[in-house]
Amino acid sequence: MVDALKNTYTLSELLAVLGLARSSYFYHRARLLVADKYAGARRVIAEIFEVNHRCYGYRRIRAALGRQKVFISEKVVRRLMRRKG
């Protein structure tokens, strides 16, 4: 919303109306430009899950990833699987 109205109003006016700190605005803007560092892992996790008839949990998925030389923390695998549903 801020980026859309930035041509009409100044950035400081928009941030004041929204009650958003300047640093928060630039932090979130930078986060949108960063590529997803787990994109490849997400694809491999989905592939393993489908090949195994949607029966594998995060522990078996992590073991299968290790066999494919993709080393990711157990917590990260759990989080990626939870977000994917």
Protein backbone atom coordinates (compact mmCIF):
# COMPACT_ATOMS: atom_id res chain seq x y z
CA MET A 1 0.00 0.00 0.00
CA VAL A 2 2.82 2.36 0.87
CA ASP A 3 4.59 1.66 -2.42
CA ALA A 4 1.39 2.34 -4.37
CA LEU A 5 0.83 5.73 -2.70
CA LYS A 6 4.49 6.75 -2.54
CA ASN A 7 4.19 8.78 -5.76
CA THR A 8 1.34 10.87 -4.32
CA TYR A 9 2.48 11.34 -0.71
CA THR A 10 5.83 11.46 1.01
CA LEU A 11 7.07 8.33 2.70
CA SER A 12 7.14 9.98 6.13
CA GLU A 13 3.47 11.02 5.80
CA LEU A 14 2.38 7.53 4.83
CA LEU A 15 4.31 5.89 7.64
CA ALA A 16 2.95 8.37 10.17
CA VAL A 17 -0.66 7.68 9.14
CA LEU A 18 -0.10 3.92 9.28
CA GLY A 19 1.83 4.12 12.55
CA LEU A 20 4.67 2.16 11.00
CA ALA A 21 8.32 2.73 11.86
CA ARG A 22 10.59 3.62 8.97
CA SER A 23 12.97 0.76 9.80
CA SER A 24 10.07 -1.73 9.81
CA TYR A 25 8.97 -0.56 6.38
CA PHE A 26 12.43 -1.04 4.88
CA TYR A 27 12.90 -4.38 6.67
CA HIS A 28 9.70 -5.85 5.22
CA ARG A 29 10.40 -4.37 1.81
CA ALA A 30 13.82 -6.04 1.76
CA ARG A 31 12.30 -9.38 2.88
CA LEU A 32 10.05 -9.39 -0.17
CA LEU A 33 13.04 -9.10 -2.50
CA VAL A 34 14.99 -12.01 -0.96
CA ALA A 35 14.61 -15.36 -2.68
CA ASP A 36 13.23 -18.31 -0.72
CA LYS A 37 16.24 -20.21 0.59
CA TYR A 38 14.25 -23.43 1.06
CA ALA A 39 12.61 -23.52 -2.38
CA GLY A 40 14.62 -26.54 -3.50
CA ALA A 41 14.05 -28.34 -0.22
CA ARG A 42 10.30 -27.73 -0.45
CA ARG A 43 10.24 -29.35 -3.87
CA VAL A 44 12.24 -32.39 -2.70
CA ILE A 45 10.09 -32.78 0.43
CA ALA A 46 6.90 -32.73 -1.65
CA GLU A 47 8.40 -35.24 -4.07
CA ILE A 48 9.41 -37.66 -1.28
CA PHE A 49 6.01 -37.27 0.37
CA GLU A 50 4.11 -38.07 -2.84
CA VAL A 51 6.34 -41.00 -3.86
CA ASN A 52 5.69 -42.61 -0.48
CA HIS A 53 1.89 -42.39 -0.78
CA ARG A 54 1.62 -39.38 1.57
CA CYS A 55 2.48 -41.58 4.56
CA TYR A 56 5.84 -40.18 5.67
CA GLY A 57 6.10 -37.89 8.67
CA TYR A 58 8.81 -35.33 9.24
CA ARG A 59 11.24 -37.86 10.73
CA ARG A 60 11.13 -40.18 7.73
CA ILE A 61 11.21 -37.22 5.35
CA ARG A 62 14.33 -35.91 7.08
CA ALA A 63 15.98 -39.34 6.85
CA ALA A 64 15.12 -39.53 3.14
CA LEU A 65 16.55 -36.04 2.63
CA GLY A 66 19.77 -37.17 4.31
CA ARG A 67 20.03 -40.09 1.90
CA GLN A 68 19.74 -37.58 -0.96
CA LYS A 69 22.49 -35.42 0.59
CA VAL A 70 20.07 -32.60 1.51
CA PHE A 71 20.85 -31.75 5.12
CA ILE A 72 18.21 -29.67 6.88
CA SER A 73 17.36 -29.38 10.55
CA GLU A 74 14.48 -31.46 11.87
CA LYS A 75 12.70 -28.32 12.99
CA VAL A 76 12.98 -26.78 9.53
CA VAL A 77 11.55 -29.92 7.91
CA ARG A 78 8.65 -29.86 10.38
CA ARG A 79 7.98 -26.18 9.71
CA LEU A 80 8.10 -26.59 5.92
CA MET A 81 5.75 -29.58 6.07
CA ARG A 82 3.33 -27.79 8.40
CA ARG A 83 3.17 -24.76 6.09
CA LYS A 84 2.58 -26.97 3.07
CA GLY A 85 -0.19 -28.85 4.89
